[in-house]
């Protein structure tokens, strides 16, 4: 595994760890705003990671042929 991939995986793990901490902290304190923001941030991170590989895919030539 190359160094860049290792650091990107480490960053992803760190982001999910921070978001899960904020969510559990909001649940423990009963702070509804913190829970909502943590859930929204978690959903946005998941969608971003789901769409990221599509950015690096080669475009289809079928749509350009007309």
PDB file of N, CA and C in Angstrom:
ATOM      1  N   UNK A   1       0.857  -1.172   0.000  1.00  0.00           N
ATOM      2  CA  UNK A   1       0.000   0.000   0.000  1.00  0.00           C
ATOM      3  C   UNK A   1       0.906   1.239   0.000  1.00  0.00           C
ATOM      4  N   UNK A   2       0.641   2.134  -0.932  1.00  0.00           N
ATOM      5  CA  UNK A   2       1.498   3.310  -0.994  1.00  0.00           C
ATOM      6  C   UNK A   2       1.124   4.314   0.107  1.00  0.00           C
ATOM      7  N   UNK A   3       2.001   5.268   0.297  1.00  0.00           N
ATOM      8  CA  UNK A   3       1.867   6.208   1.408  1.00  0.00           C
ATOM      9  C   UNK A   3       0.650   7.113   1.258  1.00  0.00           C
ATOM     10  N   UNK A   4       0.350   7.532   0.033  1.00  0.00           N
ATOM     11  CA  UNK A   4      -0.804   8.411  -0.189  1.00  0.00           C
ATOM     12  C   UNK A   4      -2.119   7.708   0.158  1.00  0.00           C
ATOM     13  N   UNK A   5      -2.238   6.463  -0.258  1.00  0.00           N
ATOM     14  CA  UNK A   5      -3.448   5.698   0.034  1.00  0.00           C
ATOM     15  C   UNK A   5      -3.579   5.454   1.543  1.00  0.00           C
ATOM     16  N   UNK A   6      -2.457   5.209   2.196  1.00  0.00           N
ATOM     17  CA  UNK A   6      -2.465   4.996   3.633  1.00  0.00           C
ATOM     18  C   UNK A   6      -2.976   6.236   4.373  1.00  0.00           C
ATOM     19  N   UNK A   7      -2.465   7.415   3.973  1.00  0.00           N
ATOM     20  CA  UNK A   7      -2.898   8.643   4.634  1.00  0.00           C
ATOM     21  C   UNK A   7      -4.349   8.989   4.316  1.00  0.00           C
ATOM     22  N   UNK A   8      -4.810   8.673   3.123  1.00  0.00           N
ATOM     23  CA  UNK A   8      -6.212   8.934   2.815  1.00  0.00           C
ATOM     24  C   UNK A   8      -7.130   8.032   3.634  1.00  0.00           C
ATOM     25  N   UNK A   9      -6.739   6.783   3.808  1.00  0.00           N
ATOM     26  CA  UNK A   9      -7.536   5.883   4.653  1.00  0.00           C
ATOM     27  C   UNK A   9      -7.493   6.332   6.111  1.00  0.00           C
ATOM     28  N   UNK A  10      -6.343   6.788   6.543  1.00  0.00           N
ATOM     29  CA  UNK A  10      -6.215   7.293   7.906  1.00  0.00           C
ATOM     30  C   UNK A  10      -7.082   8.532   8.122  1.00  0.00           C
ATOM     31  N   UNK A  11      -7.153   9.397   7.132  1.00  0.00           N
ATOM     32  CA  UNK A  11      -7.997  10.584   7.211  1.00  0.00           C
ATOM     33  C   UNK A  11      -9.471  10.211   7.262  1.00  0.00           C
ATOM     34  N   UNK A  12      -9.879   9.251   6.468  1.00  0.00           N
ATOM     35  CA  UNK A  12     -11.272   8.797   6.476  1.00  0.00           C
ATOM     36  C   UNK A  12     -11.631   8.209   7.835  1.00  0.00           C
ATOM     37  N   UNK A  13     -10.752   7.400   8.387  1.00  0.00           N
ATOM     38  CA  UNK A  13     -10.999   6.825   9.709  1.00  0.00           C
ATOM     39  C   UNK A  13     -11.087   7.926  10.757  1.00  0.00           C
ATOM     40  N   UNK A  14     -10.231   8.921  10.662  1.00  0.00           N
ATOM     41  CA  UNK A  14     -10.266  10.042  11.605  1.00  0.00           C
ATOM     42  C   UNK A  14     -11.548  10.840  11.516  1.00  0.00           C
ATOM     43  N   UNK A  15     -12.027  11.081  10.300  1.00  0.00           N
ATOM     44  CA  UNK A  15     -13.277  11.832  10.127  1.00  0.00           C
ATOM     45  C   UNK A  15     -14.450  11.059  10.710  1.00  0.00           C
ATOM     46  N   UNK A  16     -14.537   9.764  10.417  1.00  0.00           N
ATOM     47  CA  UNK A  16     -15.634   8.972  10.962  1.00  0.00           C
ATOM     48  C   UNK A  16     -15.539   8.843  12.482  1.00  0.00           C
ATOM     49  N   UNK A  17     -14.330   8.793  13.011  1.00  0.00           N
ATOM     50  CA  UNK A  17     -14.158   8.744  14.465  1.00  0.00           C
ATOM     51  C   UNK A  17     -14.640  10.035  15.106  1.00  0.00           C
ATOM     52  N   UNK A  18     -14.275  11.166  14.511  1.00  0.00           N
ATOM     53  CA  UNK A  18     -14.716  12.457  15.053  1.00  0.00           C
ATOM     54  C   UNK A  18     -16.231  12.604  14.975  1.00  0.00           C
ATOM     55  N   UNK A  19     -16.818  12.207  13.852  1.00  0.00           N
ATOM     56  CA  UNK A  19     -18.271  12.325  13.714  1.00  0.00           C
ATOM     57  C   UNK A  19     -19.010  11.409  14.680  1.00  0.00           C
ATOM     58  N   UNK A  20     -18.495  10.212  14.882  1.00  0.00           N
ATOM     59  CA  UNK A  20     -19.148   9.314  15.836  1.00  0.00           C
ATOM     60  C   UNK A  20     -18.988   9.828  17.266  1.00  0.00           C
ATOM     61  N   UNK A  21     -17.853  10.473  17.552  1.00  0.00           N
ATOM     62  CA  UNK A  21     -17.672  11.076  18.873  1.00  0.00           C
ATOM     63  C   UNK A  21     -18.681  12.195  19.096  1.00  0.00           C
ATOM     64  N   UNK A  22     -18.834  13.084  18.101  1.00  0.00           N
ATOM     65  CA  UNK A  22     -19.777  14.184  18.243  1.00  0.00           C
ATOM     66  C   UNK A  22     -21.213  13.678  18.358  1.00  0.00           C
ATOM     67  N   UNK A  23     -21.544  12.629  17.631  1.00  0.00           N
ATOM     68  CA  UNK A  23     -22.893  12.066  17.717  1.00  0.00           C
ATOM     69  C   UNK A  23     -23.127  11.455  19.094  1.00  0.00           C
ATOM     70  N   UNK A  24     -22.183  10.685  19.588  1.00  0.00           N
ATOM     71  CA  UNK A  24     -22.360  10.067  20.909  1.00  0.00           C
ATOM     72  C   UNK A  24     -22.343  11.121  22.018  1.00  0.00           C
ATOM     73  N   UNK A  25     -21.553  12.176  21.845  1.00  0.00           N
ATOM     74  CA  UNK A  25     -21.532  13.255  22.829  1.00  0.00           C
ATOM     75  C   UNK A  25     -22.875  13.989  22.843  1.00  0.00           C
ATOM     76  N   UNK A  26     -23.451  14.206  21.674  1.00  0.00           N
ATOM     77  CA  UNK A  26     -24.761  14.851  21.603  1.00  0.00           C
ATOM     78  C   UNK A  26     -25.850  14.003  22.217  1.00  0.00           C
ATOM     79  N   UNK A  27     -25.765  12.696  22.028  1.00  0.00           N
ATOM     80  CA  UNK A  27     -26.757  11.797  22.619  1.00  0.00           C
ATOM     81  C   UNK A  27     -26.611  11.779  24.134  1.00  0.00           C
ATOM     82  N   UNK A  28     -25.364  11.737  24.616  1.00  0.00           N
ATOM     83  CA  UNK A  28     -25.132  11.689  26.062  1.00  0.00           C
ATOM     84  C   UNK A  28     -25.597  12.964  26.753  1.00  0.00           C
ATOM     85  N   UNK A  29     -25.378  14.106  26.128  1.00  0.00           N
ATOM     86  CA  UNK A  29     -25.774  15.380  26.727  1.00  0.00           C
ATOM     87  C   UNK A  29     -27.228  15.733  26.444  1.00  0.00           C
ATOM     88  N   UNK A  30     -27.852  15.043  25.503  1.00  0.00           N
ATOM     89  CA  UNK A  30     -29.224  15.341  25.149  1.00  0.00           C
ATOM     90  C   UNK A  30     -29.343  16.600  24.302  1.00  0.00           C
ATOM     91  N   UNK A  31     -28.269  16.980  23.646  1.00  0.00           N
ATOM     92  CA  UNK A  31     -28.254  18.179  22.815  1.00  0.00           C
ATOM     93  C   UNK A  31     -28.749  17.816  21.418  1.00  0.00           C
ATOM     94  N   UNK A  32     -29.972  18.219  21.114  1.00  0.00           N
ATOM     95  CA  UNK A  32     -30.597  17.845  19.850  1.00  0.00           C
ATOM     96  C   UNK A  32     -29.871  18.467  18.653  1.00  0.00           C
ATOM     97  N   UNK A  33     -29.436  19.711  18.780  1.00  0.00           N
ATOM     98  CA  UNK A  33     -28.758  20.382  17.669  1.00  0.00           C
ATOM     99  C   UNK A  33     -27.456  19.673  17.325  1.00  0.00           C
ATOM    100  N   UNK A  34     -26.703  19.248  18.309  1.00  0.00           N
ATOM    101  CA  UNK A  34     -25.453  18.541  18.060  1.00  0.00           C
ATOM    102  C   UNK A  34     -25.703  17.197  17.390  1.00  0.00           C
ATOM    103  N   UNK A  35     -26.763  16.512  17.789  1.00  0.00           N
ATOM    104  CA  UNK A  35     -27.099  15.235  17.165  1.00  0.00           C
ATOM    105  C   UNK A  35     -27.487  15.426  15.707  1.00  0.00           C
ATOM    106  N   UNK A  36     -28.295  16.433  15.427  1.00  0.00           N
ATOM    107  CA  UNK A  36     -28.742  16.683  14.058  1.00  0.00           C
ATOM    108  C   UNK A  36     -27.555  17.052  13.170  1.00  0.00           C
ATOM    109  N   UNK A  37     -26.683  17.941  13.659  1.00  0.00           N
ATOM    110  CA  UNK A  37     -25.526  18.338  12.869  1.00  0.00           C
ATOM    111  C   UNK A  37     -24.564  17.180  12.633  1.00  0.00           C
ATOM    112  N   UNK A  38     -24.403  16.316  13.630  1.00  0.00           N
ATOM    113  CA  UNK A  38     -23.521  15.159  13.460  1.00  0.00           C
ATOM    114  C   UNK A  38     -24.104  14.173  12.444  1.00  0.00           C
ATOM    115  N   UNK A  39     -25.407  13.975  12.468  1.00  0.00           N
ATOM    116  CA  UNK A  39     -26.041  13.062  11.506  1.00  0.00           C
ATOM    117  C   UNK A  39     -25.947  13.630  10.094  1.00  0.00           C
ATOM    118  N   UNK A  40     -26.169  14.934   9.942  1.00  0.00           N
ATOM    119  CA  UNK A  40     -26.055  15.567   8.625  1.00  0.00           C
ATOM    120  C   UNK A  40     -24.615  15.477   8.116  1.00  0.00           C
ATOM    121  N   UNK A  41     -23.652  15.719   8.979  1.00  0.00           N
ATOM    122  CA  UNK A  41     -22.249  15.631   8.576  1.00  0.00           C
ATOM    123  C   UNK A  41     -21.869  14.202   8.212  1.00  0.00           C
ATOM    124  N   UNK A  42     -22.386  13.243   8.945  1.00  0.00           N
ATOM    125  CA  UNK A  42     -22.118  11.845   8.642  1.00  0.00           C
ATOM    126  C   UNK A  42     -22.703  11.459   7.288  1.00  0.00           C
ATOM    127  N   UNK A  43     -23.923  11.886   7.029  1.00  0.00           N
ATOM    128  CA  UNK A  43     -24.556  11.586   5.742  1.00  0.00           C
ATOM    129  C   UNK A  43     -23.802  12.266   4.594  1.00  0.00           C
ATOM    130  N   UNK A  44     -23.379  13.505   4.787  1.00  0.00           N
ATOM    131  CA  UNK A  44     -22.639  14.212   3.741  1.00  0.00           C
ATOM    132  C   UNK A  44     -21.293  13.538   3.470  1.00  0.00           C
ATOM    133  N   UNK A  45     -20.641  13.050   4.497  1.00  0.00           N
ATOM    134  CA  UNK A  45     -19.367  12.357   4.311  1.00  0.00           C
ATOM    135  C   UNK A  45     -19.555  11.055   3.553  1.00  0.00           C
ATOM    136  N   UNK A  46     -20.602  10.319   3.872  1.00  0.00           N
ATOM    137  CA  UNK A  46     -20.871   9.060   3.179  1.00  0.00           C
ATOM    138  C   UNK A  46     -21.187   9.310   1.711  1.00  0.00           C
ATOM    139  N   UNK A  47     -21.998  10.329   1.418  1.00  0.00           N
ATOM    140  CA  UNK A  47     -22.323  10.643   0.026  1.00  0.00           C
ATOM    141  C   UNK A  47     -21.067  11.095  -0.728  1.00  0.00           C
ATOM    142  N   UNK A  48     -20.239  11.899  -0.087  1.00  0.00           N
ATOM    143  CA  UNK A  48     -18.993  12.340  -0.717  1.00  0.00           C
ATOM    144  C   UNK A  48     -18.100  11.156  -1.048  1.00  0.00           C
ATOM    145  N   UNK A  49     -17.938  10.243  -0.109  1.00  0.00           N
ATOM    146  CA  UNK A  49     -17.080   9.076  -0.361  1.00  0.00           C
ATOM    147  C   UNK A  49     -17.692   8.141  -1.398  1.00  0.00           C
ATOM    148  N   UNK A  50     -19.017   8.144  -1.524  1.00  0.00           N
ATOM    149  CA  UNK A  50     -19.688   7.324  -2.528  1.00  0.00           C
ATOM    150  C   UNK A  50     -19.491   7.921  -3.923  1.00  0.00           C
ATOM    151  N   UNK A  51     -19.493   9.261  -4.024  1.00  0.00           N
ATOM    152  CA  UNK A  51     -19.347   9.920  -5.322  1.00  0.00           C
ATOM    153  C   UNK A  51     -17.898  10.118  -5.747  1.00  0.00           C
ATOM    154  N   UNK A  52     -16.962  10.060  -4.830  1.00  0.00           N
ATOM    155  CA  UNK A  52     -15.558  10.313  -5.140  1.00  0.00           C
ATOM    156  C   UNK A  52     -14.980   9.383  -6.205  1.00  0.00           C
ATOM    157  N   UNK A  53     -15.232   8.074  -6.181  1.00  0.00           N
ATOM    158  CA  UNK A  53     -14.675   7.221  -7.245  1.00  0.00           C
ATOM    159  C   UNK A  53     -15.230   7.552  -8.625  1.00  0.00           C
ATOM    160  N   UNK A  54     -16.448   8.073  -8.694  1.00  0.00           N
ATOM    161  CA  UNK A  54     -17.027   8.426  -9.988  1.00  0.00           C
ATOM    162  C   UNK A  54     -16.295   9.600 -10.621  1.00  0.00           C
ATOM    163  N   UNK A  55     -15.646  10.408  -9.821  1.00  0.00           N
ATOM    164  CA  UNK A  55     -14.878  11.527 -10.343  1.00  0.00           C
ATOM    165  C   UNK A  55     -13.690  11.047 -11.157  1.00  0.00           C
ATOM    166  N   UNK A  56     -13.094   9.943 -10.756  1.00  0.00           N
ATOM    167  CA  UNK A  56     -11.893   9.441 -11.412  1.00  0.00           C
ATOM    168  C   UNK A  56     -12.175   8.425 -12.511  1.00  0.00           C
ATOM    169  N   UNK A  57     -13.441   8.106 -12.762  1.00  0.00           N
ATOM    170  CA  UNK A  57     -13.775   7.168 -13.822  1.00  0.00           C
ATOM    171  C   UNK A  57     -13.604   7.835 -15.181  1.00  0.00           C
ATOM    172  N   UNK A  58     -13.288   7.031 -16.177  1.00  0.00           N
ATOM    173  CA  UNK A  58     -13.178   7.537 -17.535  1.00  0.00           C
ATOM    174  C   UNK A  58     -14.575   7.818 -18.075  1.00  0.00           C
ATOM    175  N   UNK A  59     -14.761   8.926 -18.777  1.00  0.00           N
ATOM    176  CA  UNK A  59     -16.087   9.226 -19.323  1.00  0.00           C
ATOM    177  C   UNK A  59     -16.447   8.260 -20.449  1.00  0.00           C
ATOM    178  N   UNK A  60     -17.740   7.977 -20.560  1.00  0.00           N
ATOM    179  CA  UNK A  60     -18.214   7.103 -21.618  1.00  0.00           C
ATOM    180  C   UNK A  60     -18.239   7.869 -22.936  1.00  0.00           C
ATOM    181  N   UNK A  61     -17.785   7.215 -23.984  1.00  0.00           N
ATOM    182  CA  UNK A  61     -17.779   7.842 -25.303  1.00  0.00           C
ATOM    183  C   UNK A  61     -19.121   7.690 -26.013  1.00  0.00           C
ATOM    184  N   UNK A  62     -20.003   6.843 -25.496  1.00  0.00           N
ATOM    185  CA  UNK A  62     -21.299   6.626 -26.115  1.00  0.00           C
ATOM    186  C   UNK A  62     -22.162   7.872 -26.099  1.00  0.00           C
ATOM    187  N   UNK A  63     -22.064   8.660 -25.029  1.00  0.00           N
ATOM    188  CA  UNK A  63     -22.897   9.850 -24.934  1.00  0.00           C
ATOM    189  C   UNK A  63     -22.400  10.944 -25.870  1.00  0.00           C
ATOM    190  N   UNK A  64     -21.130  10.893 -26.291  1.00  0.00           N
ATOM    191  CA  UNK A  64     -20.571  11.899 -27.181  1.00  0.00           C
ATOM    192  C   UNK A  64     -20.832  11.587 -28.661  1.00  0.00           C
ATOM    193  N   UNK A  65     -21.188  10.354 -28.981  1.00  0.00           N
ATOM    194  CA  UNK A  65     -21.356   9.946 -30.387  1.00  0.00           C
ATOM    195  C   UNK A  65     -22.594  10.551 -31.017  1.00  0.00           C
ATOM    196  N   UNK A  66     -23.626  10.804 -30.244  1.00  0.00           N
ATOM    197  CA  UNK A  66     -24.817  11.457 -30.777  1.00  0.00           C
ATOM    198  C   UNK A  66     -25.621  10.545 -31.555  1.00  0.00           C
TER     199      UNK A  66
END
